[in-house]
Amino acid sequence: MAKLTLDKWIIIFTVISAALLQLIDTSIVNVSLVQMMGNMGATLGDISWVVTGYAASNVVMITLSGWLSSKFGRKNYFAASIILFTFASILCGLSDNVWELVFFRVIQGIGGGGLLSTAQAILIETFPREDIGLANAIFGVGVIIGPTIGPALGGYITDNYSWPWIFYINVPIGILATICTILFIKEPTEKMSTGKMDWWAIIFLAMGIGALQVVLEKGERKDWFETTYITVLTIAAIFGMIAFVWRELVVKSPVVDLSIMKYRSFAVGSLFNFILGFGLYASVFVIPVFAQNILNFTATDTGYLMMPGSIMTGIMMPIVANMMKVRISPYLLSGVGFLIFFGFTFMLSDLNLSVGPDDFFWPLIIRGIGLGMIFIPLTTLSLASLTGREIPQGTALSNMIRQMGGSFGTAIMTTYISTRTKFHFETLREYAYPTNILTQQRLESFKNLFLSKGYSLNEATQQAYYSLQGAITKQALMLTYRDTFLVVGIFFLVCIPMLLLFIGSKKSDAKHIEMIME
């Protein structure tokens, strides 16, 4: 195990704090949108671009961050990204109207996109190769905890202060991280040469990933392909991504080096990064929505609900890294992690309307253990074969793929919840026909309740029907969330046999993987 000197601890603090800035800001604004709408006189459709604009620019820059850090120097690019992110945060807080805020959020996303992958690349090169698992464990703490604490932090700030402060809190952390970067981060010893900026590749990438991100963020609200601009953006995304891949394969100096996919471990690891992003963001999305819709939790309460599980993931990270050091197979650890994650979703698939916060504690602790056992082995396996210039390219691609997996997971779960709720509502309503004795008893009970509160007979009858419809809707939502948890769990369970794809890696891959286990 590498000895952590003071300089290394400062580097760890610097890169993790910078990565957390980016990860927290992906979700921190979600709970403040209503207050922003009121202050700026914006519609829901307008204010949603505050989230979409950041996500689209962010994922494009994550993909480019490997090339940009090689072109301008990793230290320079990292410091410039922190400065841009911090300055854009100030401008976001000072925005007077929604479109100013959207513009500055796009700029903030450009700065944030350079933080995540560059931070991971710095960590990997700070530690010797045999401690790459520990480096990924430290990085993984931020990746898992960031999206979880964002809503809680945003809710607390919004409830106790005002929405601009969700941006202003980035400023002191950004200033400190910039100073530490300038003083303590060093450039890699290996010289990284790059060619000229390939503007066609940049255009295709922005078109493909940017359009895809907008489609995933907006599709469900716009009835997917029933809306013209969603259809147009889908076509643009397909064309852009195909053109981008073609361009990177034929150009002499690609901005994203797709040749690293020749390493079987990295290619298979990229697939699992997508799966990990899907499961991480889908569960982070579904649980808060469930808690707020069914249990009537505030955003702050929901954040506190998620916190113990996130802390458990952080505890598991170094434990799993050390298990790999004593030659416990990363494939075995990943497989067990997938099984544990399925156990978490299976426990939540049996919830009912009488659940409370305590019913979530142990399932979320189990989720934290499972994610810790999945993240470290898969991240380490996918990056173990990379050296030199391949490291920033690999971390950029890995993080982009995980982010896209999260976007797909959130979009698919949103659509599934919407359609499944309608299905359960219609099914339950068939049993609530007027001549049903149980329906009549429930309506009579509701009517007497409203009569006792001073309503007239007509008003009480109308309110009774509304209450019955509300009860059916709530039960339909409960059944939907039970289905959703089970679907996510089955998805992870089915992925276990896919770990066999790692078997048969080239000798060069196997040598590096063996090294990290020694």
Protein backbone atom coordinates (compact mmCIF):
# COMPACT_ATOMS: atom_id res chain seq x y z
CA MET A 1 0.00 0.00 0.00
CA ALA A 2 1.39 3.39 -0.99
CA LYS A 3 2.21 5.72 1.89
CA LEU A 4 0.04 8.82 1.75
CA THR A 5 2.23 11.88 2.27
CA LEU A 6 0.87 15.36 3.04
CA ASP A 7 1.21 16.35 -0.62
CA LYS A 8 -0.86 13.33 -1.70
CA TRP A 9 -3.56 14.11 0.85
CA ILE A 10 -3.77 17.66 -0.49
CA ILE A 11 -4.04 16.32 -4.06
CA ILE A 12 -6.78 13.92 -2.94
CA PHE A 13 -8.68 16.76 -1.25
CA THR A 14 -8.28 18.99 -4.31
CA VAL A 15 -9.49 16.54 -6.94
CA ILE A 16 -12.32 15.11 -4.83
CA SER A 17 -13.64 18.57 -3.90
CA ALA A 18 -13.51 19.62 -7.58
CA ALA A 19 -15.24 16.41 -8.71
CA LEU A 20 -17.91 16.86 -6.04
CA LEU A 21 -18.62 20.37 -7.33
CA GLN A 22 -19.54 18.89 -10.70
CA LEU A 23 -21.47 15.90 -9.36
CA ILE A 24 -23.50 17.81 -6.77
CA ASP A 25 -24.47 20.49 -9.28
CA THR A 26 -26.03 17.88 -11.56
CA SER A 27 -28.85 17.41 -9.05
CA ILE A 28 -28.73 20.28 -6.56
CA VAL A 29 -30.93 22.62 -8.63
CA ASN A 30 -33.75 20.08 -9.09
CA VAL A 31 -35.36 20.88 -5.74
CA SER A 32 -35.09 24.66 -6.27
CA LEU A 33 -36.85 24.86 -9.64
CA VAL A 34 -40.22 25.87 -8.16
CA GLN A 35 -38.69 28.80 -6.27
CA MET A 36 -36.77 29.83 -9.41
CA MET A 37 -40.01 29.75 -11.43
CA GLY A 38 -41.71 32.04 -8.91
CA ASN A 39 -38.85 34.53 -8.69
CA MET A 40 -38.28 34.73 -12.45
CA GLY A 41 -41.85 34.33 -13.70
CA ALA A 42 -40.82 31.31 -15.75
CA THR A 43 -42.90 28.36 -16.91
CA LEU A 44 -42.04 24.76 -16.06
CA GLY A 45 -40.93 24.20 -19.66
CA ASP A 46 -38.59 27.20 -19.49
CA ILE A 47 -37.06 26.37 -16.13
CA SER A 48 -36.42 22.74 -17.09
CA TRP A 49 -33.73 24.01 -19.50
CA VAL A 50 -31.70 24.97 -16.42
CA VAL A 51 -31.20 21.24 -15.85
CA THR A 52 -31.05 20.17 -19.50
CA GLY A 53 -28.58 22.86 -20.59
CA TYR A 54 -26.11 21.93 -17.86
CA ALA A 55 -26.41 18.19 -18.54
CA ALA A 56 -25.95 18.53 -22.32
CA SER A 57 -22.86 20.78 -22.19
CA ASN A 58 -21.43 18.77 -19.31
CA VAL A 59 -21.51 15.38 -21.01
CA VAL A 60 -19.99 16.81 -24.23
CA MET A 61 -17.08 18.31 -22.27
CA ILE A 62 -16.56 15.11 -20.26
CA THR A 63 -15.97 13.32 -23.57
CA LEU A 64 -13.48 15.97 -24.75
CA SER A 65 -11.68 16.37 -21.44
CA GLY A 66 -9.05 13.72 -22.20
CA TRP A 67 -7.91 15.46 -25.39
CA LEU A 68 -8.09 18.95 -23.89
CA SER A 69 -6.03 17.98 -20.85
CA SER A 70 -3.39 16.50 -23.18
CA LYS A 71 -3.47 19.58 -25.44
CA PHE A 72 -3.21 22.29 -22.81
CA GLY A 73 -1.64 20.35 -19.96
CA ARG A 74 -3.59 18.48 -17.33
CA LYS A 75 -2.80 20.96 -14.55
CA ASN A 76 -3.67 24.01 -16.68
CA TYR A 77 -6.89 22.47 -17.98
CA PHE A 78 -7.97 21.33 -14.53
CA ALA A 79 -7.33 24.76 -12.99
CA ALA A 80 -9.07 26.54 -15.90
CA SER A 81 -12.11 24.24 -15.55
CA ILE A 82 -12.40 24.99 -11.83
CA ILE A 83 -12.10 28.75 -12.45
CA LEU A 84 -14.70 28.67 -15.26
CA PHE A 85 -17.07 26.58 -13.14
CA THR A 86 -16.69 28.89 -10.14
CA PHE A 87 -17.11 32.10 -12.15
CA ALA A 88 -20.18 30.66 -13.92
CA SER A 89 -21.64 29.73 -10.50
CA ILE A 90 -21.46 33.39 -9.46
CA LEU A 91 -23.17 34.49 -12.67
CA CYS A 92 -25.89 31.82 -12.21
CA GLY A 93 -26.69 33.24 -8.77
CA LEU A 94 -26.81 36.80 -10.15
CA SER A 95 -29.10 35.93 -13.09
CA ASP A 96 -32.18 38.16 -13.47
CA ASN A 97 -34.19 36.00 -15.86
CA VAL A 98 -34.48 32.36 -16.77
CA TRP A 99 -32.62 32.55 -20.08
CA GLU A 100 -29.64 34.24 -18.45
CA LEU A 101 -29.62 31.42 -15.94
CA VAL A 102 -29.85 28.77 -18.68
CA PHE A 103 -26.92 30.40 -20.56
CA PHE A 104 -24.70 30.52 -17.48
CA ARG A 105 -25.67 26.95 -16.58
CA VAL A 106 -24.41 25.86 -20.00
CA ILE A 107 -21.12 27.66 -19.26
CA GLN A 108 -21.04 26.03 -15.84
CA GLY A 109 -21.53 22.64 -17.51
CA ILE A 110 -18.58 23.34 -19.83
CA GLY A 111 -16.37 24.02 -16.83
CA GLY A 112 -17.78 21.09 -14.84
CA GLY A 113 -17.18 18.65 -17.69
CA GLY A 114 -13.43 19.11 -17.28
CA LEU A 115 -13.45 18.26 -13.58
CA LEU A 116 -14.67 14.68 -13.24
CA SER A 117 -12.46 12.75 -15.67
CA THR A 118 -9.40 14.93 -15.12
CA ALA A 119 -9.73 14.43 -11.36
CA GLN A 120 -9.81 10.66 -11.82
CA ALA A 121 -6.80 10.74 -14.18
CA ILE A 122 -4.81 12.80 -11.64
CA LEU A 123 -5.65 10.36 -8.86
CA ILE A 124 -4.67 7.32 -10.93
CA GLU A 125 -1.27 8.83 -11.77
CA THR A 126 -0.72 10.02 -8.19
CA PHE A 127 -0.80 6.41 -6.96
CA PRO A 128 1.48 3.59 -8.19
CA ARG A 129 -0.21 1.07 -10.48
CA GLU A 130 -0.51 -1.57 -7.77
CA ASP A 131 -2.67 0.91 -5.80
CA ILE A 132 -4.98 1.84 -8.66
CA GLY A 133 -7.84 0.16 -6.79
CA LEU A 134 -7.33 2.54 -3.85
CA ALA A 135 -7.27 5.53 -6.23
CA ASN A 136 -10.55 4.42 -7.78
CA ALA A 137 -12.00 3.84 -4.31
CA ILE A 138 -11.24 7.44 -3.33
CA PHE A 139 -12.70 8.70 -6.59
CA GLY A 140 -15.74 6.43 -6.21
CA VAL A 141 -16.69 8.04 -2.91
CA GLY A 142 -17.36 11.29 -4.77
CA VAL A 143 -19.13 9.59 -7.68
CA ILE A 144 -21.60 7.79 -5.41
CA ILE A 145 -22.12 10.43 -2.73
CA GLY A 146 -22.32 13.49 -5.01
CA PRO A 147 -25.64 12.73 -6.76
CA THR A 148 -27.14 11.67 -3.42
CA ILE A 149 -26.33 14.71 -1.28
CA GLY A 150 -27.18 17.18 -4.07
CA PRO A 151 -30.97 17.20 -3.51
CA ALA A 152 -30.62 17.25 0.29
CA LEU A 153 -28.16 20.14 0.19
CA GLY A 154 -30.27 21.99 -2.38
CA GLY A 155 -33.41 21.45 -0.33
CA TYR A 156 -31.81 22.70 2.88
CA ILE A 157 -30.41 25.82 1.21
CA THR A 158 -33.69 26.58 -0.57
CA ASP A 159 -35.77 26.06 2.59
CA ASN A 160 -33.50 28.19 4.80
CA TYR A 161 -31.97 30.77 2.45
CA SER A 162 -32.75 31.36 -1.24
CA TRP A 163 -31.99 29.61 -4.52
CA PRO A 164 -28.93 31.73 -5.56
CA TRP A 165 -27.03 30.26 -2.61
CA ILE A 166 -27.03 26.81 -4.22
CA PHE A 167 -24.56 28.39 -6.66
CA TYR A 168 -22.70 30.69 -4.28
CA ILE A 169 -21.60 27.79 -2.06
CA ASN A 170 -19.39 26.64 -4.96
CA VAL A 171 -17.29 29.80 -4.77
CA PRO A 172 -15.12 29.21 -1.64
CA ILE A 173 -14.58 25.55 -2.55
CA GLY A 174 -13.68 26.54 -6.11
CA ILE A 175 -11.18 29.18 -4.96
CA LEU A 176 -9.50 26.76 -2.53
CA ALA A 177 -9.38 23.97 -5.14
CA THR A 178 -7.83 26.37 -7.68
CA ILE A 179 -5.09 27.45 -5.26
CA CYS A 180 -4.31 23.83 -4.33
CA THR A 181 -4.23 22.83 -8.02
CA ILE A 182 -1.71 25.55 -8.87
CA LEU A 183 0.50 24.74 -5.88
CA PHE A 184 0.37 20.95 -5.68
CA ILE A 185 -0.86 19.32 -8.90
CA LYS A 186 1.97 18.33 -11.24
CA GLU A 187 1.97 17.56 -14.94
CA PRO A 188 2.46 13.89 -15.94
CA THR A 189 6.08 12.92 -16.54
CA GLU A 190 5.19 11.42 -19.92
CA LYS A 191 4.81 14.02 -22.67
CA MET A 192 1.39 13.90 -24.30
CA SER A 193 1.33 15.10 -27.89
CA THR A 194 -1.88 15.98 -29.73
CA GLY A 195 -2.74 17.11 -33.22
CA LYS A 196 -4.74 20.13 -34.31
CA MET A 197 -8.27 20.72 -33.09
CA ASP A 198 -10.62 18.65 -35.26
CA TRP A 199 -13.59 21.00 -35.49
CA TRP A 200 -15.70 18.54 -37.49
CA ALA A 201 -15.36 15.99 -34.71
CA ILE A 202 -16.36 18.64 -32.14
CA ILE A 203 -19.43 19.60 -34.20
CA PHE A 204 -20.52 15.98 -34.65
CA LEU A 205 -19.95 15.23 -30.96
CA ALA A 206 -21.91 18.27 -29.78
CA MET A 207 -24.71 17.42 -32.21
CA GLY A 208 -24.85 13.74 -31.24
CA ILE A 209 -24.44 13.77 -27.48
CA GLY A 210 -26.04 17.20 -26.96
CA ALA A 211 -29.17 16.24 -28.92
CA LEU A 212 -29.35 12.83 -27.24
CA GLN A 213 -29.13 14.41 -23.78
CA VAL A 214 -31.97 16.82 -24.60
CA VAL A 215 -34.10 13.94 -25.93
CA LEU A 216 -33.53 11.90 -22.77
CA GLU A 217 -34.22 14.88 -20.48
CA LYS A 218 -37.31 16.16 -22.32
CA GLY A 219 -38.72 13.11 -24.12
CA GLU A 220 -41.16 11.80 -21.52
CA ARG A 221 -42.63 15.26 -20.79
CA LYS A 222 -43.13 15.87 -24.52
CA ASP A 223 -44.70 12.45 -25.30
CA TRP A 224 -41.54 11.36 -27.08
CA PHE A 225 -42.01 11.08 -30.85
CA GLU A 226 -45.42 12.72 -30.74
CA THR A 227 -43.49 16.00 -30.57
CA THR A 228 -41.74 17.18 -33.75
CA TYR A 229 -38.63 18.65 -32.18
CA ILE A 230 -37.97 15.47 -30.17
CA THR A 231 -38.13 13.47 -33.42
CA VAL A 232 -35.78 15.93 -35.17
CA LEU A 233 -33.32 15.84 -32.25
CA THR A 234 -33.38 12.03 -32.22
CA ILE A 235 -32.42 11.97 -35.91
CA ALA A 236 -29.72 14.58 -35.21
CA ALA A 237 -28.39 12.48 -32.32
CA ILE A 238 -28.16 9.32 -34.44
CA PHE A 239 -26.51 11.14 -37.35
CA GLY A 240 -24.14 13.06 -35.06
CA MET A 241 -22.93 9.98 -33.18
CA ILE A 242 -22.41 7.90 -36.35
CA ALA A 243 -20.57 10.79 -38.02
CA PHE A 244 -18.45 11.35 -34.90
CA VAL A 245 -17.37 7.71 -34.66
CA TRP A 246 -16.59 7.62 -38.38
CA ARG A 247 -14.55 10.83 -38.11
CA GLU A 248 -12.54 9.59 -35.12
CA LEU A 249 -11.71 6.34 -36.92
CA VAL A 250 -10.39 7.99 -40.09
CA VAL A 251 -8.72 11.19 -38.84
CA LYS A 252 -4.99 11.11 -38.04
CA SER A 253 -5.21 12.81 -34.61
CA PRO A 254 -8.63 12.09 -33.06
CA VAL A 255 -9.92 14.19 -30.18
CA VAL A 256 -11.33 11.00 -28.62
CA ASP A 257 -9.06 8.02 -29.08
CA LEU A 258 -11.47 5.17 -29.77
CA SER A 259 -8.54 2.83 -30.38
CA ILE A 260 -8.39 2.15 -26.64
CA MET A 261 -11.44 -0.03 -27.22
CA LYS A 262 -8.91 -2.58 -28.50
CA TYR A 263 -8.37 -3.49 -24.85
CA ARG A 264 -11.03 -6.05 -24.12
CA SER A 265 -11.07 -5.14 -20.43
CA PHE A 266 -11.74 -1.47 -21.24
CA ALA A 267 -14.42 -2.26 -23.85
CA VAL A 268 -16.28 -4.64 -21.52
CA GLY A 269 -15.70 -2.25 -18.62
CA SER A 270 -17.35 0.51 -20.64
CA LEU A 271 -20.44 -1.65 -21.04
CA PHE A 272 -20.57 -2.17 -17.28
CA ASN A 273 -19.97 1.54 -16.68
CA PHE A 274 -23.17 2.18 -18.63
CA ILE A 275 -24.97 -0.45 -16.52
CA LEU A 276 -23.57 1.06 -13.31
CA GLY A 277 -24.72 4.54 -14.34
CA PHE A 278 -28.15 3.15 -15.20
CA GLY A 279 -28.56 1.48 -11.81
CA LEU A 280 -27.02 4.30 -9.77
CA TYR A 281 -29.01 7.16 -11.26
CA ALA A 282 -32.22 5.15 -11.74
CA SER A 283 -32.30 4.19 -8.06
CA VAL A 284 -31.26 7.69 -6.94
CA PHE A 285 -34.14 9.01 -9.08
CA VAL A 286 -36.85 6.47 -8.15
CA ILE A 287 -36.40 6.46 -4.37
CA PRO A 288 -36.72 10.27 -3.87
CA VAL A 289 -39.73 10.42 -6.20
CA PHE A 290 -41.33 7.57 -4.25
CA ALA A 291 -40.59 9.20 -0.88
CA GLN A 292 -42.01 12.55 -1.95
CA ASN A 293 -45.08 11.25 -3.83
CA ILE A 294 -46.10 8.48 -1.43
CA LEU A 295 -44.61 9.47 1.94
CA ASN A 296 -44.93 13.25 1.39
CA PHE A 297 -41.27 13.83 2.31
CA THR A 298 -39.63 17.20 1.74
CA ALA A 299 -36.48 17.33 -0.41
CA THR A 300 -34.36 17.75 2.72
CA ASP A 301 -35.99 14.74 4.42
CA THR A 302 -35.44 12.67 1.27
CA GLY A 303 -31.77 13.60 1.24
CA TYR A 304 -31.40 12.49 4.86
CA LEU A 305 -33.17 9.24 3.96
CA MET A 306 -30.53 8.50 1.29
CA MET A 307 -27.53 9.54 3.37
CA PRO A 308 -26.82 6.35 5.42
CA GLY A 309 -26.66 4.23 2.27
CA SER A 310 -24.24 6.67 0.63
CA ILE A 311 -22.05 6.67 3.73
CA MET A 312 -22.00 2.87 3.64
CA THR A 313 -20.83 2.99 0.02
CA GLY A 314 -18.01 5.32 1.06
CA ILE A 315 -17.03 2.91 3.85
CA MET A 316 -17.06 -0.04 1.43
CA MET A 317 -14.78 1.61 -1.14
CA PRO A 318 -11.41 1.18 0.68
CA ILE A 319 -12.53 -2.19 2.07
CA VAL A 320 -13.16 -3.55 -1.43
CA ALA A 321 -9.88 -2.02 -2.68
CA ASN A 322 -7.98 -3.89 0.05
CA MET A 323 -9.88 -7.10 -0.70
CA MET A 324 -8.57 -6.85 -4.27
CA LYS A 325 -5.06 -6.27 -2.89
CA VAL A 326 -5.22 -9.62 -1.11
CA ARG A 327 -6.11 -11.25 -4.44
CA ILE A 328 -9.85 -11.66 -4.06
CA SER A 329 -11.11 -11.81 -7.63
CA PRO A 330 -12.64 -8.54 -8.89
CA TYR A 331 -15.02 -10.65 -10.99
CA LEU A 332 -16.26 -12.41 -7.85
CA LEU A 333 -16.63 -9.11 -5.98
CA SER A 334 -18.61 -7.60 -8.86
CA GLY A 335 -20.89 -10.62 -9.13
CA VAL A 336 -21.61 -10.55 -5.39
CA GLY A 337 -22.23 -6.79 -5.67
CA PHE A 338 -24.82 -7.33 -8.40
CA LEU A 339 -26.54 -9.97 -6.25
CA ILE A 340 -26.59 -7.66 -3.24
CA PHE A 341 -28.02 -4.81 -5.35
CA PHE A 342 -30.76 -7.18 -6.53
CA GLY A 343 -31.46 -7.98 -2.87
CA PHE A 344 -31.94 -4.26 -2.18
CA THR A 345 -34.48 -3.86 -4.99
CA PHE A 346 -36.25 -7.11 -4.04
CA MET A 347 -36.75 -5.83 -0.48
CA LEU A 348 -38.29 -2.60 -1.77
CA SER A 349 -40.53 -4.42 -4.25
CA ASP A 350 -42.73 -5.56 -1.33
CA LEU A 351 -43.55 -2.11 0.07
CA ASN A 352 -47.08 -0.98 1.01
CA LEU A 353 -48.84 2.27 1.87
CA SER A 354 -48.01 1.96 5.56
CA VAL A 355 -44.22 2.19 5.07
CA GLY A 356 -42.16 4.82 6.85
CA PRO A 357 -38.54 6.03 6.82
CA ASP A 358 -37.35 3.12 8.99
CA ASP A 359 -38.44 0.65 6.32
CA PHE A 360 -35.84 2.12 3.96
CA PHE A 361 -32.83 2.07 6.27
CA TRP A 362 -31.58 -1.49 5.80
CA PRO A 363 -32.45 -1.77 2.10
CA LEU A 364 -30.45 1.40 1.44
CA ILE A 365 -27.55 0.15 3.57
CA ILE A 366 -27.56 -3.02 1.46
CA ARG A 367 -27.66 -0.86 -1.69
CA GLY A 368 -24.58 1.00 -0.42
CA ILE A 369 -22.69 -2.26 0.14
CA GLY A 370 -23.64 -3.53 -3.32
CA LEU A 371 -22.60 -0.36 -5.14
CA GLY A 372 -19.26 -0.33 -3.31
CA MET A 373 -18.58 -3.91 -4.41
CA ILE A 374 -19.56 -3.15 -8.02
CA PHE A 375 -17.88 0.21 -8.58
CA ILE A 376 -14.28 -0.45 -7.51
CA PRO A 377 -13.66 -3.79 -9.30
CA LEU A 378 -15.30 -2.71 -12.56
CA THR A 379 -13.63 0.71 -12.67
CA THR A 380 -10.25 -0.81 -11.85
CA LEU A 381 -10.61 -3.58 -14.42
CA SER A 382 -11.64 -1.19 -17.19
CA LEU A 383 -8.75 1.26 -16.62
CA ALA A 384 -6.00 -1.16 -15.57
CA SER A 385 -4.67 -1.68 -19.12
CA LEU A 386 -4.27 2.03 -19.93
CA THR A 387 -1.00 3.94 -19.75
CA GLY A 388 0.20 7.48 -20.52
CA ARG A 389 -2.08 9.43 -22.85
CA GLU A 390 -4.60 6.59 -22.76
CA ILE A 391 -5.45 7.30 -19.10
CA PRO A 392 -7.17 10.71 -19.56
CA GLN A 393 -8.84 9.42 -22.72
CA GLY A 394 -10.06 6.33 -20.87
CA THR A 395 -11.33 8.18 -17.81
CA ALA A 396 -13.15 10.66 -20.07
CA LEU A 397 -14.86 7.90 -22.06
CA SER A 398 -15.70 5.92 -18.92
CA ASN A 399 -17.29 8.88 -17.18
CA MET A 400 -19.19 9.94 -20.30
CA ILE A 401 -20.57 6.42 -20.72
CA ARG A 402 -21.58 6.26 -17.04
CA GLN A 403 -23.31 9.66 -17.30
CA MET A 404 -25.16 8.54 -20.42
CA GLY A 405 -26.16 5.33 -18.65
CA GLY A 406 -27.59 7.50 -15.90
CA SER A 407 -29.49 9.63 -18.40
CA PHE A 408 -30.93 6.54 -20.08
CA GLY A 409 -31.81 5.05 -16.70
CA THR A 410 -33.64 8.17 -15.55
CA ALA A 411 -35.47 8.59 -18.88
CA ILE A 412 -36.52 4.93 -19.06
CA MET A 413 -37.68 4.84 -15.42
CA THR A 414 -39.62 8.10 -15.86
CA THR A 415 -41.45 6.68 -18.87
CA TYR A 416 -42.00 3.33 -17.18
CA ILE A 417 -43.46 4.96 -14.05
CA SER A 418 -45.79 7.10 -16.18
CA THR A 419 -47.13 4.25 -18.34
CA ARG A 420 -47.25 1.71 -15.51
CA THR A 421 -49.19 4.11 -13.25
CA LYS A 422 -51.83 4.54 -15.98
CA PHE A 423 -52.04 0.75 -16.35
CA HIS A 424 -52.53 0.14 -12.63
CA PHE A 425 -54.98 3.03 -12.31
CA GLU A 426 -57.19 1.69 -15.10
CA THR A 427 -56.99 -1.84 -13.66
CA LEU A 428 -57.94 -0.73 -10.15
CA ARG A 429 -60.71 1.53 -11.42
CA GLU A 430 -62.42 -1.46 -13.04
CA TYR A 431 -62.99 -2.87 -9.55
CA ALA A 432 -64.40 0.43 -8.25
CA TYR A 433 -67.66 0.27 -10.22
CA PRO A 434 -70.64 2.04 -8.57
CA THR A 435 -72.60 -1.12 -7.69
CA ASN A 436 -69.62 -2.69 -5.87
CA ILE A 437 -70.50 -2.91 -2.17
CA LEU A 438 -66.95 -2.01 -1.08
CA THR A 439 -66.94 1.02 -3.37
CA GLN A 440 -70.26 2.17 -1.94
CA GLN A 441 -68.97 1.75 1.62
CA ARG A 442 -65.80 3.74 0.86
CA LEU A 443 -67.78 6.55 -0.81
CA GLU A 444 -70.20 6.65 2.11
CA SER A 445 -67.28 6.87 4.54
CA PHE A 446 -65.70 9.76 2.61
CA LYS A 447 -69.06 11.53 2.29
CA ASN A 448 -69.75 11.32 6.02
CA LEU A 449 -66.27 12.69 6.71
CA PHE A 450 -66.90 15.78 4.59
CA LEU A 451 -70.42 16.23 5.97
CA SER A 452 -68.92 16.27 9.48
CA LYS A 453 -66.67 19.13 8.37
CA GLY A 454 -69.63 21.29 7.33
CA TYR A 455 -69.85 20.54 3.60
CA SER A 456 -73.27 20.47 1.94
CA LEU A 457 -74.61 17.12 0.69
CA ASN A 458 -73.70 17.87 -2.95
CA GLU A 459 -70.23 19.15 -2.01
CA ALA A 460 -69.57 16.18 0.28
CA THR A 461 -70.63 13.74 -2.47
CA GLN A 462 -68.35 15.42 -5.02
CA GLN A 463 -65.42 15.46 -2.58
CA ALA A 464 -66.03 11.79 -1.79
CA TYR A 465 -65.60 10.87 -5.45
CA TYR A 466 -62.42 12.99 -5.63
CA SER A 467 -61.08 11.25 -2.52
CA LEU A 468 -61.83 7.82 -3.97
CA GLN A 469 -60.01 8.73 -7.16
CA GLY A 470 -57.07 9.98 -5.08
CA ALA A 471 -56.96 6.72 -3.11
CA ILE A 472 -56.96 4.71 -6.35
CA THR A 473 -54.18 6.90 -7.76
CA LYS A 474 -52.05 6.45 -4.64
CA GLN A 475 -52.51 2.69 -4.70
CA ALA A 476 -51.65 2.66 -8.43
CA LEU A 477 -48.46 4.62 -7.66
CA MET A 478 -47.52 2.16 -4.93
CA LEU A 479 -47.95 -0.81 -7.26
CA THR A 480 -45.96 1.03 -9.93
CA TYR A 481 -43.00 1.70 -7.65
CA ARG A 482 -43.00 -1.91 -6.50
CA ASP A 483 -42.80 -2.97 -10.15
CA THR A 484 -40.08 -0.39 -10.83
CA PHE A 485 -37.81 -1.58 -8.02
CA LEU A 486 -38.19 -5.16 -9.20
CA VAL A 487 -37.43 -4.25 -12.84
CA VAL A 488 -34.20 -2.45 -11.83
CA GLY A 489 -33.21 -5.45 -9.70
CA ILE A 490 -33.87 -7.98 -12.45
CA PHE A 491 -31.83 -5.81 -14.83
CA PHE A 492 -28.83 -6.09 -12.48
CA LEU A 493 -29.41 -9.82 -11.93
CA VAL A 494 -29.39 -10.50 -15.67
CA CYS A 495 -26.06 -8.64 -15.97
CA ILE A 496 -24.17 -11.14 -13.76
CA PRO A 497 -23.50 -13.70 -16.55
CA MET A 498 -22.17 -10.82 -18.69
CA LEU A 499 -19.13 -10.67 -16.38
CA LEU A 500 -17.89 -13.68 -18.38
CA LEU A 501 -17.15 -11.21 -21.18
CA PHE A 502 -14.05 -10.14 -19.24
CA ILE A 503 -12.65 -13.65 -19.66
CA GLY A 504 -10.38 -13.96 -22.67
CA SER A 505 -8.72 -10.57 -22.37
CA LYS A 506 -5.45 -10.16 -24.25
CA LYS A 507 -2.25 -11.06 -22.44
CA SER A 508 -1.39 -7.36 -22.07
CA ASP A 509 -4.75 -6.77 -20.39
CA ALA A 510 -4.32 -9.77 -18.12
CA LYS A 511 -0.82 -8.67 -17.10
CA HIS A 512 -2.04 -5.27 -15.91
CA ILE A 513 -5.04 -6.79 -14.13
CA GLU A 514 -2.73 -9.25 -12.40
CA MET A 515 -0.48 -6.38 -11.33
CA ILE A 516 -3.23 -4.52 -9.48
CA MET A 517 -4.00 -7.68 -7.50
CA GLU A 518 -0.44 -8.24 -6.32
